[in-house]
Amino acid sequence: MNTPALHIVCPACHTTNRIASADLGKAADCGHCHKALFTGQPVALTEAAFDKHLQRSQIPLLVDFWAPWCGPCRQMAPAYEKAAGLLEPRVRLAKVNTEEAQNLGARYNIRSIPTLALFVNGREVARQAGAMGTADIVRWTQSQLNLSH
């Protein structure tokens, strides 16, 4: 039985890979750099890498817009990391430093940080401002995507 293939962008080299959807839960490696496609950790994205993940990956993208000087951002970081381990491989978690990627902050009208933005098929479908714990991040994301754990 053929299962449809999904495009997944590598978190290390940002090359687009094709993976059978049935193999998402398996330990898949990038065909280019041979690193794991899913690490259970959020991916730090530059503006160019963000656009590639947004436009090419066929799994939802949850982005934490943050800044290094932001206390609530730093407080939420460990919870966000734990959430990555719980939500992958069905959702890619990424972090965008709004100090380094100011154009992304402006493009998405980020007015407070931390802000979580959820993207499906290249478009934003939900947004949540303010720090959250691991369980809240997972629950909010799953409810937005109608996923069960």
N, C-alpha and C. Protein backbone atom coordinates (compact mmCIF):
# COMPACT_ATOMS: atom_id res chain seq x y z
N MET A 1 0.84 -1.18 0.00
CA MET A 1 0.00 0.00 0.00
C MET A 1 0.88 1.25 0.00
N ASN A 2 0.65 2.14 -0.91
CA ASN A 2 1.44 3.36 -1.00
C ASN A 2 0.93 4.41 -0.03
N THR A 3 1.84 5.01 0.71
CA THR A 3 1.46 6.13 1.56
C THR A 3 2.01 7.39 0.94
N PRO A 4 1.27 8.49 1.02
CA PRO A 4 1.75 9.72 0.39
C PRO A 4 3.04 10.21 1.05
N ALA A 5 3.87 10.84 0.24
CA ALA A 5 5.12 11.40 0.75
C ALA A 5 4.89 12.84 1.17
N LEU A 6 5.61 13.23 2.21
CA LEU A 6 5.56 14.60 2.70
C LEU A 6 6.93 15.24 2.51
N HIS A 7 6.93 16.54 2.27
CA HIS A 7 8.19 17.29 2.26
C HIS A 7 8.48 17.73 3.68
N ILE A 8 9.69 17.45 4.15
CA ILE A 8 10.14 17.86 5.47
C ILE A 8 11.48 18.56 5.30
N VAL A 9 11.60 19.78 5.81
CA VAL A 9 12.84 20.52 5.71
C VAL A 9 13.74 20.14 6.89
N CYS A 10 14.99 19.84 6.59
CA CYS A 10 15.96 19.43 7.60
C CYS A 10 16.25 20.59 8.56
N PRO A 11 16.25 20.33 9.87
CA PRO A 11 16.54 21.40 10.82
C PRO A 11 18.01 21.81 10.82
N ALA A 12 18.89 20.97 10.28
CA ALA A 12 20.33 21.28 10.29
C ALA A 12 20.78 22.04 9.04
N CYS A 13 20.47 21.48 7.85
CA CYS A 13 20.96 22.10 6.61
C CYS A 13 19.87 22.75 5.78
N HIS A 14 18.61 22.60 6.20
CA HIS A 14 17.45 23.22 5.56
C HIS A 14 17.18 22.72 4.14
N THR A 15 17.65 21.49 3.85
CA THR A 15 17.34 20.83 2.59
C THR A 15 15.97 20.17 2.71
N THR A 16 15.19 20.22 1.64
CA THR A 16 13.88 19.59 1.64
C THR A 16 14.03 18.10 1.35
N ASN A 17 13.41 17.28 2.19
CA ASN A 17 13.44 15.82 2.06
C ASN A 17 12.02 15.33 1.82
N ARG A 18 11.91 14.18 1.13
CA ARG A 18 10.61 13.51 0.95
C ARG A 18 10.58 12.32 1.87
N ILE A 19 9.51 12.22 2.68
CA ILE A 19 9.35 11.13 3.64
C ILE A 19 7.95 10.58 3.48
N ALA A 20 7.82 9.28 3.47
CA ALA A 20 6.48 8.68 3.46
C ALA A 20 5.79 9.07 4.75
N SER A 21 4.53 9.49 4.66
CA SER A 21 3.83 9.94 5.87
C SER A 21 3.79 8.85 6.92
N ALA A 22 3.75 7.60 6.51
CA ALA A 22 3.74 6.48 7.46
C ALA A 22 5.07 6.36 8.21
N ASP A 23 6.14 6.94 7.66
CA ASP A 23 7.47 6.86 8.27
C ASP A 23 7.81 8.05 9.14
N LEU A 24 6.86 8.98 9.33
CA LEU A 24 7.14 10.18 10.12
C LEU A 24 7.65 9.86 11.52
N GLY A 25 7.09 8.86 12.15
CA GLY A 25 7.47 8.53 13.52
C GLY A 25 8.77 7.77 13.63
N LYS A 26 9.34 7.36 12.50
CA LYS A 26 10.60 6.63 12.50
C LYS A 26 11.76 7.61 12.49
N ALA A 27 12.92 7.15 12.87
CA ALA A 27 14.10 8.01 12.95
C ALA A 27 14.65 8.28 11.55
N ALA A 28 14.09 9.26 10.87
CA ALA A 28 14.50 9.59 9.50
C ALA A 28 15.67 10.57 9.53
N ASP A 29 16.58 10.37 8.58
CA ASP A 29 17.73 11.26 8.43
C ASP A 29 17.62 12.05 7.15
N CYS A 30 18.27 13.19 7.12
CA CYS A 30 18.32 14.03 5.93
C CYS A 30 19.15 13.34 4.85
N GLY A 31 18.64 13.35 3.64
CA GLY A 31 19.37 12.76 2.52
C GLY A 31 20.61 13.55 2.14
N HIS A 32 20.70 14.80 2.56
CA HIS A 32 21.84 15.65 2.21
C HIS A 32 22.94 15.63 3.28
N CYS A 33 22.58 15.97 4.53
CA CYS A 33 23.61 16.07 5.59
C CYS A 33 23.61 14.86 6.53
N HIS A 34 22.62 13.98 6.38
CA HIS A 34 22.50 12.74 7.16
C HIS A 34 22.25 12.95 8.64
N LYS A 35 21.82 14.15 9.03
CA LYS A 35 21.45 14.39 10.43
C LYS A 35 19.95 14.09 10.59
N ALA A 36 19.54 13.89 11.82
CA ALA A 36 18.14 13.54 12.10
C ALA A 36 17.20 14.67 11.66
N LEU A 37 16.09 14.27 11.04
CA LEU A 37 15.09 15.26 10.64
C LEU A 37 14.27 15.74 11.84
N PHE A 38 14.19 14.92 12.87
CA PHE A 38 13.48 15.30 14.09
C PHE A 38 14.39 15.03 15.28
N THR A 39 14.63 16.07 16.05
CA THR A 39 15.57 15.98 17.17
C THR A 39 14.89 16.14 18.52
N GLY A 40 13.60 16.48 18.51
CA GLY A 40 12.92 16.75 19.77
C GLY A 40 13.31 18.08 20.37
N GLN A 41 13.92 18.94 19.57
CA GLN A 41 14.36 20.28 20.00
C GLN A 41 13.83 21.32 19.02
N PRO A 42 13.50 22.52 19.52
CA PRO A 42 13.11 23.59 18.59
C PRO A 42 14.29 23.97 17.69
N VAL A 43 13.97 24.41 16.49
CA VAL A 43 14.97 24.81 15.50
C VAL A 43 15.06 26.33 15.51
N ALA A 44 16.27 26.86 15.71
CA ALA A 44 16.48 28.31 15.63
C ALA A 44 16.54 28.69 14.15
N LEU A 45 15.67 29.61 13.74
CA LEU A 45 15.57 29.94 12.33
C LEU A 45 15.95 31.39 12.04
N THR A 46 16.74 31.56 11.00
CA THR A 46 17.00 32.88 10.43
C THR A 46 15.82 33.20 9.52
N GLU A 47 15.82 34.38 8.96
CA GLU A 47 14.73 34.76 8.07
C GLU A 47 14.65 33.85 6.85
N ALA A 48 15.80 33.56 6.22
CA ALA A 48 15.81 32.71 5.03
C ALA A 48 15.37 31.28 5.38
N ALA A 49 15.87 30.76 6.48
CA ALA A 49 15.50 29.39 6.90
C ALA A 49 14.02 29.34 7.27
N PHE A 50 13.51 30.39 7.91
CA PHE A 50 12.10 30.44 8.27
C PHE A 50 11.23 30.30 7.02
N ASP A 51 11.56 31.08 5.99
CA ASP A 51 10.77 31.03 4.76
C ASP A 51 10.81 29.65 4.12
N LYS A 52 11.96 28.99 4.18
CA LYS A 52 12.06 27.65 3.60
C LYS A 52 11.19 26.66 4.37
N HIS A 53 11.27 26.68 5.70
CA HIS A 53 10.45 25.78 6.51
C HIS A 53 8.96 26.09 6.31
N LEU A 54 8.63 27.36 6.25
CA LEU A 54 7.24 27.77 6.09
C LEU A 54 6.67 27.32 4.74
N GLN A 55 7.45 27.49 3.68
CA GLN A 55 6.95 27.24 2.34
C GLN A 55 7.11 25.80 1.88
N ARG A 56 8.10 25.08 2.40
CA ARG A 56 8.40 23.75 1.86
C ARG A 56 7.96 22.58 2.75
N SER A 57 7.97 22.75 4.07
CA SER A 57 7.59 21.63 4.94
C SER A 57 6.07 21.45 4.91
N GLN A 58 5.66 20.20 4.91
CA GLN A 58 4.23 19.90 4.84
C GLN A 58 3.69 19.42 6.19
N ILE A 59 4.35 19.81 7.26
CA ILE A 59 3.80 19.60 8.60
C ILE A 59 3.63 20.99 9.22
N PRO A 60 2.72 21.12 10.19
CA PRO A 60 2.54 22.42 10.82
C PRO A 60 3.84 22.94 11.45
N LEU A 61 3.98 24.25 11.48
CA LEU A 61 5.14 24.93 12.03
C LEU A 61 4.68 25.82 13.19
N LEU A 62 5.16 25.51 14.39
CA LEU A 62 4.86 26.33 15.57
C LEU A 62 6.10 27.17 15.87
N VAL A 63 5.93 28.49 15.85
CA VAL A 63 7.07 29.41 16.00
C VAL A 63 6.94 30.21 17.28
N ASP A 64 8.02 30.21 18.05
CA ASP A 64 8.15 31.05 19.24
C ASP A 64 8.92 32.30 18.83
N PHE A 65 8.23 33.43 18.75
CA PHE A 65 8.89 34.71 18.50
C PHE A 65 9.34 35.23 19.85
N TRP A 66 10.65 35.44 20.03
CA TRP A 66 11.22 35.76 21.33
C TRP A 66 12.39 36.73 21.16
N ALA A 67 12.95 37.17 22.28
CA ALA A 67 14.17 37.99 22.27
C ALA A 67 14.99 37.63 23.50
N PRO A 68 16.31 37.72 23.40
CA PRO A 68 17.17 37.31 24.51
C PRO A 68 17.01 38.17 25.78
N TRP A 69 16.58 39.41 25.63
CA TRP A 69 16.44 40.29 26.79
C TRP A 69 15.11 40.09 27.51
N CYS A 70 14.21 39.28 26.96
CA CYS A 70 12.85 39.12 27.48
C CYS A 70 12.81 38.05 28.57
N GLY A 71 12.51 38.46 29.79
CA GLY A 71 12.44 37.52 30.92
C GLY A 71 11.42 36.41 30.71
N PRO A 72 10.16 36.74 30.37
CA PRO A 72 9.18 35.68 30.13
C PRO A 72 9.60 34.72 29.00
N CYS A 73 10.31 35.23 27.99
CA CYS A 73 10.79 34.38 26.90
C CYS A 73 11.78 33.35 27.43
N ARG A 74 12.72 33.83 28.24
CA ARG A 74 13.72 32.92 28.83
C ARG A 74 13.07 31.94 29.78
N GLN A 75 12.04 32.39 30.49
CA GLN A 75 11.32 31.53 31.42
C GLN A 75 10.58 30.42 30.67
N MET A 76 10.03 30.73 29.51
CA MET A 76 9.26 29.75 28.74
C MET A 76 10.14 28.80 27.95
N ALA A 77 11.40 29.14 27.70
CA ALA A 77 12.26 28.35 26.82
C ALA A 77 12.35 26.87 27.20
N PRO A 78 12.55 26.51 28.47
CA PRO A 78 12.61 25.07 28.79
C PRO A 78 11.29 24.35 28.52
N ALA A 79 10.17 25.00 28.77
CA ALA A 79 8.86 24.39 28.51
C ALA A 79 8.67 24.19 27.01
N TYR A 80 9.12 25.15 26.21
CA TYR A 80 8.99 25.05 24.76
C TYR A 80 9.85 23.89 24.23
N GLU A 81 11.05 23.74 24.81
CA GLU A 81 11.92 22.62 24.42
C GLU A 81 11.26 21.28 24.74
N LYS A 82 10.64 21.16 25.90
CA LYS A 82 9.95 19.92 26.26
C LYS A 82 8.78 19.68 25.32
N ALA A 83 8.07 20.74 24.96
CA ALA A 83 6.93 20.62 24.05
C ALA A 83 7.38 20.08 22.69
N ALA A 84 8.57 20.47 22.25
CA ALA A 84 9.10 19.98 20.96
C ALA A 84 9.21 18.46 20.99
N GLY A 85 9.69 17.91 22.09
CA GLY A 85 9.81 16.47 22.20
C GLY A 85 8.47 15.76 22.20
N LEU A 86 7.43 16.46 22.65
CA LEU A 86 6.09 15.87 22.70
C LEU A 86 5.31 16.04 21.40
N LEU A 87 5.55 17.12 20.67
CA LEU A 87 4.77 17.41 19.47
C LEU A 87 5.40 16.88 18.17
N GLU A 88 6.73 16.73 18.15
CA GLU A 88 7.35 16.18 16.95
C GLU A 88 7.01 14.70 16.86
N PRO A 89 6.89 14.13 15.69
CA PRO A 89 7.16 14.69 14.36
C PRO A 89 5.92 15.27 13.67
N ARG A 90 4.83 15.39 14.39
CA ARG A 90 3.60 15.89 13.75
C ARG A 90 3.62 17.40 13.57
N VAL A 91 4.46 18.08 14.35
CA VAL A 91 4.57 19.54 14.29
C VAL A 91 6.05 19.89 14.44
N ARG A 92 6.55 20.82 13.62
CA ARG A 92 7.93 21.31 13.75
C ARG A 92 7.87 22.54 14.65
N LEU A 93 8.69 22.57 15.72
CA LEU A 93 8.78 23.73 16.59
C LEU A 93 10.03 24.51 16.24
N ALA A 94 9.87 25.82 16.15
CA ALA A 94 10.98 26.69 15.77
C ALA A 94 10.99 27.92 16.67
N LYS A 95 12.16 28.55 16.74
CA LYS A 95 12.32 29.79 17.49
C LYS A 95 12.85 30.85 16.54
N VAL A 96 12.29 32.05 16.62
CA VAL A 96 12.76 33.18 15.84
C VAL A 96 13.11 34.29 16.81
N ASN A 97 14.39 34.66 16.84
CA ASN A 97 14.87 35.75 17.66
C ASN A 97 14.50 37.06 16.95
N THR A 98 13.57 37.80 17.53
CA THR A 98 13.07 39.01 16.87
C THR A 98 14.11 40.14 16.83
N GLU A 99 15.17 40.02 17.62
CA GLU A 99 16.26 41.00 17.55
C GLU A 99 17.09 40.77 16.30
N GLU A 100 17.29 39.49 15.94
CA GLU A 100 18.11 39.15 14.78
C GLU A 100 17.29 39.12 13.50
N ALA A 101 16.03 38.79 13.59
CA ALA A 101 15.15 38.69 12.42
C ALA A 101 14.02 39.72 12.54
N GLN A 102 14.40 40.99 12.57
CA GLN A 102 13.43 42.06 12.79
C GLN A 102 12.39 42.13 11.68
N ASN A 103 12.78 41.77 10.45
CA ASN A 103 11.82 41.79 9.34
C ASN A 103 10.69 40.79 9.57
N LEU A 104 11.02 39.63 10.16
CA LEU A 104 9.96 38.64 10.44
C LEU A 104 9.00 39.16 11.50
N GLY A 105 9.55 39.78 12.54
CA GLY A 105 8.69 40.37 13.56
C GLY A 105 7.75 41.40 12.97
N ALA A 106 8.28 42.22 12.07
CA ALA A 106 7.45 43.24 11.41
C ALA A 106 6.45 42.59 10.46
N ARG A 107 6.90 41.60 9.68
CA ARG A 107 6.02 40.95 8.70
C ARG A 107 4.81 40.32 9.37
N TYR A 108 5.03 39.73 10.55
CA TYR A 108 3.93 39.06 11.25
C TYR A 108 3.33 39.91 12.36
N ASN A 109 3.69 41.20 12.39
CA ASN A 109 3.08 42.15 13.31
C ASN A 109 3.17 41.66 14.77
N ILE A 110 4.38 41.21 15.14
CA ILE A 110 4.61 40.74 16.51
C ILE A 110 4.73 41.98 17.40
N ARG A 111 3.79 42.12 18.32
CA ARG A 111 3.75 43.31 19.19
C ARG A 111 4.17 43.01 20.62
N SER A 112 4.09 41.75 21.03
CA SER A 112 4.55 41.37 22.36
C SER A 112 5.25 40.02 22.25
N ILE A 113 6.18 39.80 23.16
CA ILE A 113 6.88 38.53 23.15
C ILE A 113 6.88 37.96 24.56
N PRO A 114 6.90 36.67 24.71
CA PRO A 114 6.88 35.69 23.63
C PRO A 114 5.51 35.61 22.97
N THR A 115 5.53 35.33 21.68
CA THR A 115 4.31 35.06 20.92
C THR A 115 4.51 33.75 20.18
N LEU A 116 3.55 32.84 20.33
CA LEU A 116 3.54 31.61 19.55
C LEU A 116 2.62 31.81 18.36
N ALA A 117 3.11 31.46 17.19
CA ALA A 117 2.30 31.52 15.97
C ALA A 117 2.34 30.15 15.32
N LEU A 118 1.18 29.65 14.95
CA LEU A 118 1.05 28.34 14.34
C LEU A 118 0.72 28.50 12.86
N PHE A 119 1.53 27.87 12.02
CA PHE A 119 1.37 27.96 10.57
C PHE A 119 1.05 26.58 10.01
N VAL A 120 0.08 26.54 9.10
CA VAL A 120 -0.28 25.32 8.39
C VAL A 120 -0.33 25.66 6.90
N ASN A 121 0.36 24.87 6.10
CA ASN A 121 0.41 25.10 4.65
C ASN A 121 0.83 26.54 4.32
N GLY A 122 1.79 27.05 5.07
CA GLY A 122 2.36 28.36 4.77
C GLY A 122 1.59 29.56 5.28
N ARG A 123 0.47 29.34 5.97
CA ARG A 123 -0.26 30.50 6.47
C ARG A 123 -0.53 30.37 7.96
N GLU A 124 -0.58 31.51 8.61
CA GLU A 124 -0.82 31.53 10.05
C GLU A 124 -2.28 31.16 10.33
N VAL A 125 -2.47 30.21 11.26
CA VAL A 125 -3.83 29.78 11.60
C VAL A 125 -4.19 30.12 13.05
N ALA A 126 -3.19 30.38 13.89
CA ALA A 126 -3.48 30.71 15.30
C ALA A 126 -2.28 31.43 15.89
N ARG A 127 -2.57 32.20 16.96
CA ARG A 127 -1.52 32.97 17.64
C ARG A 127 -1.87 33.05 19.12
N GLN A 128 -0.84 32.99 19.95
CA GLN A 128 -1.02 33.09 21.40
C GLN A 128 0.16 33.90 21.96
N ALA A 129 -0.14 35.00 22.63
CA ALA A 129 0.91 35.80 23.26
C ALA A 129 1.03 35.43 24.73
N GLY A 130 2.25 35.56 25.26
CA GLY A 130 2.49 35.30 26.67
C GLY A 130 3.14 33.95 26.91
N ALA A 131 3.87 33.88 28.01
CA ALA A 131 4.58 32.64 28.36
C ALA A 131 3.59 31.57 28.78
N MET A 132 3.90 30.33 28.41
CA MET A 132 3.07 29.18 28.76
C MET A 132 3.98 28.04 29.22
N GLY A 133 3.40 27.12 29.99
CA GLY A 133 4.11 25.92 30.39
C GLY A 133 4.00 24.85 29.31
N THR A 134 4.75 23.77 29.48
CA THR A 134 4.78 22.69 28.49
C THR A 134 3.39 22.15 28.18
N ALA A 135 2.64 21.79 29.21
CA ALA A 135 1.32 21.19 29.00
C ALA A 135 0.39 22.15 28.25
N ASP A 136 0.47 23.43 28.58
CA ASP A 136 -0.38 24.42 27.91
C ASP A 136 0.02 24.59 26.44
N ILE A 137 1.32 24.58 26.15
CA ILE A 137 1.79 24.70 24.76
C ILE A 137 1.27 23.51 23.95
N VAL A 138 1.44 22.31 24.51
CA VAL A 138 1.01 21.10 23.80
C VAL A 138 -0.50 21.09 23.62
N ARG A 139 -1.23 21.39 24.67
CA ARG A 139 -2.70 21.38 24.61
C ARG A 139 -3.21 22.42 23.61
N TRP A 140 -2.65 23.64 23.67
CA TRP A 140 -3.08 24.71 22.76
C TRP A 140 -2.81 24.31 21.30
N THR A 141 -1.62 23.79 21.03
CA THR A 141 -1.25 23.39 19.67
C THR A 141 -2.16 22.28 19.17
N GLN A 142 -2.35 21.26 19.99
CA GLN A 142 -3.21 20.14 19.57
C GLN A 142 -4.64 20.60 19.34
N SER A 143 -5.12 21.50 20.17
CA SER A 143 -6.51 21.97 19.99
C SER A 143 -6.64 22.78 18.70
N GLN A 144 -5.63 23.56 18.35
CA GLN A 144 -5.68 24.35 17.12
C GLN A 144 -5.65 23.46 15.88
N LEU A 145 -4.96 22.31 16.00
CA LEU A 145 -4.80 21.40 14.86
C LEU A 145 -5.80 20.24 14.90
N ASN A 146 -6.62 20.20 15.93
CA ASN A 146 -7.55 19.09 16.14
C ASN A 146 -6.81 17.76 16.19
N LEU A 147 -5.67 17.75 16.90
CA LEU A 147 -4.88 16.53 17.08
C LEU A 147 -5.21 15.91 18.42
N SER A 148 -5.15 14.63 18.48
CA SER A 148 -5.20 13.96 19.79
C SER A 148 -3.76 13.56 20.10
N HIS A 149 -3.45 13.37 21.34
CA HIS A 149 -2.09 12.97 21.69
C HIS A 149 -2.00 11.50 21.58
